[in-house]
Protein backbone atom coordinates (compact mmCIF):
# COMPACT_ATOMS: atom_id res chain seq x y z
CA MET A 1 0.00 0.00 0.00
CA SER A 2 1.19 3.51 -0.80
CA ASP A 3 1.96 5.96 1.98
CA TYR A 4 -0.33 8.47 0.24
CA ASN A 5 -3.76 8.65 -1.41
CA TRP A 6 -4.88 11.45 -3.68
CA CYS A 7 -7.75 13.51 -2.26
CA HIS A 8 -11.08 12.43 -3.75
CA GLY A 9 -12.66 15.90 -3.47
CA PRO A 10 -14.11 16.79 -6.88
CA SER A 11 -12.75 20.35 -6.78
CA CYS A 12 -9.63 19.84 -4.67
CA HIS A 13 -7.44 20.70 -7.67
CA LYS A 14 -9.24 24.03 -8.13
CA SER A 15 -8.55 25.51 -4.69
CA HIS A 16 -6.15 28.43 -4.83
CA THR A 17 -3.64 27.51 -2.14
CA GLN A 18 0.15 27.67 -2.21
CA ASP A 19 0.65 23.95 -1.49
CA ARG A 20 -1.28 22.92 -4.61
CA ILE A 21 0.90 24.83 -7.09
CA ARG A 22 3.12 22.52 -9.16
CA GLY A 23 5.16 22.72 -12.37
CA SER A 24 7.93 24.80 -13.86
CA LYS A 25 7.78 28.47 -14.79
CA GLY A 26 5.33 29.01 -17.61
CA SER A 27 3.44 25.73 -17.12
CA LYS A 28 2.11 25.87 -13.55
CA VAL A 29 -0.90 23.82 -12.46
CA LEU A 30 -3.02 23.43 -9.33
CA ARG A 31 -2.83 19.78 -8.24
CA THR A 32 -4.99 17.67 -5.94
CA ARG A 33 -3.47 17.24 -2.49
CA LYS A 34 -1.90 14.01 -1.27
CA VAL A 35 -3.35 12.53 1.92
CA LYS A 36 -0.71 10.86 4.10
CA GLN A 37 -1.45 7.36 5.36
CA HIS A 38 -0.05 6.79 8.85
CA THR A 39 -0.03 3.01 8.47
CA THR A 40 2.66 2.48 11.12
CA SER A 41 0.78 4.39 13.82
CA GLN A 42 -1.29 2.40 16.29
CA TRP A 43 -4.21 4.82 15.92
CA TYR A 44 -4.36 4.32 12.11
CA ASN A 45 -7.76 3.11 10.92
CA PRO A 46 -7.80 1.98 7.26
CA ASN A 47 -11.60 2.44 7.07
CA ASN A 48 -11.59 6.12 8.05
CA PHE A 49 -12.75 8.62 5.42
CA TYR A 50 -9.93 10.96 6.39
CA ASN A 51 -7.62 8.58 4.48
CA TYR A 52 -9.20 9.77 1.23
CA PHE A 53 -9.95 13.46 1.75
CA CYS A 54 -7.62 16.33 2.64
CA SER A 55 -10.32 18.32 4.45
CA ASN A 56 -13.94 18.25 5.61
CA GLY A 57 -14.73 20.59 2.72
CA CYS A 58 -13.49 18.07 0.15
CA TYR A 59 -15.37 15.27 1.92
CA ASN A 60 -18.62 17.27 2.05
CA GLU A 61 -18.32 18.23 -1.61
CA PHE A 62 -17.79 14.57 -2.57
CA ALA A 63 -20.71 13.40 -0.39
CA ASN A 64 -23.06 16.07 -1.79
CA ALA A 65 -22.11 15.19 -5.38
CA ASN A 66 -22.62 11.45 -4.78
CA ILE A 67 -25.40 11.30 -2.17
CA ASP A 68 -27.76 9.25 -4.37
CA ARG A 69 -25.16 6.51 -4.83
CA ILE A 70 -24.12 6.62 -1.17
CA VAL A 71 -27.73 6.14 0.03
CA ALA A 72 -28.26 3.37 -2.57
CA ILE A 73 -25.59 1.29 -0.80
CA ALA A 74 -27.74 0.94 2.33
CA PRO A 75 -31.17 2.56 1.93
CA ARG A 76 -33.12 3.11 5.15
CA ASN A 77 -36.87 2.62 4.78
CA GLU A 78 -37.66 2.42 8.49
CA PRO A 79 -36.37 4.40 11.47
CA LEU A 80 -33.92 2.89 13.92
CA GLU A 81 -34.93 2.78 17.58
CA THR A 82 -33.03 2.29 20.83
CA PRO A 83 -34.98 1.11 23.87
CA ILE A 84 -34.56 3.40 26.89
CA GLU A 85 -35.75 3.50 30.46
CA ASP A 86 -38.23 6.23 31.41
CA PRO A 87 -36.33 9.56 31.36
CA VAL A 88 -35.63 11.09 34.77
CA LYS A 89 -36.31 14.83 35.11
CA THR A 90 -34.36 16.66 37.79
CA LYS A 91 -35.49 20.12 38.87
CA HIS A 92 -32.82 22.78 39.49
CA GLU A 93 -33.02 26.39 40.58
CA THR A 94 -30.45 29.02 39.72
CA GLY A 95 -29.18 31.61 42.17
CA TYR A 96 -31.43 34.09 40.38
CA GLY A 97 -34.66 32.23 41.16
CA ARG A 98 -35.06 30.63 37.73
CA THR A 99 -36.07 26.99 37.41
CA TYR A 100 -34.77 24.54 34.81
CA TYR A 101 -34.90 20.79 34.35
CA ASP A 102 -32.24 18.28 33.38
CA THR A 103 -33.45 15.15 31.64
CA THR A 104 -31.33 12.03 32.03
CA ILE A 105 -31.81 9.36 29.40
CA LYS A 106 -30.47 5.91 30.15
CA GLU A 107 -30.33 3.18 27.50
CA ARG A 108 -32.00 -0.05 28.46
CA VAL A 109 -29.77 -3.11 28.47
CA ASP A 110 -31.03 -5.47 25.80
CA THR A 111 -31.05 -8.98 27.24
CA SER A 112 -32.89 -10.64 24.36
CA MET A 113 -30.98 -12.96 22.09
CA GLU A 114 -31.56 -12.14 18.42
C-alpha cells in the first residue's frame, strides 16, 4: 500500500492555495493534495474517510455530489430505535430564582438474544 492517497474531493485541484501549485515556470498547475497514510501508527484506521480526503470541505463536496449513490448502498426505509428507560427529570433552581430541568436518558440493556 502507498503511503499516500490522492484527495477524492471533486474540486480539490481548483482551490487556490500555495501547497497545490506545481510545475515549472510558464506551465504551472493546481494539483490535488496528497493525503498521508499513517499506516505504522497504532491509531491508524484503514476504514476512516480521512484517508481519502484532505479536508472536511473536500469530503462534504464529494458526499453532496454522490449522495444518491451513497444512500443506494444501504437505503433506510424504516427508522432505527433504541430502547430506553423512562427519562428522569431533575429540577434545578439558579441563584437568580429561575427553574430549569435536566433530563437524564439511560439506554436499556437489551437482554434478548436475536
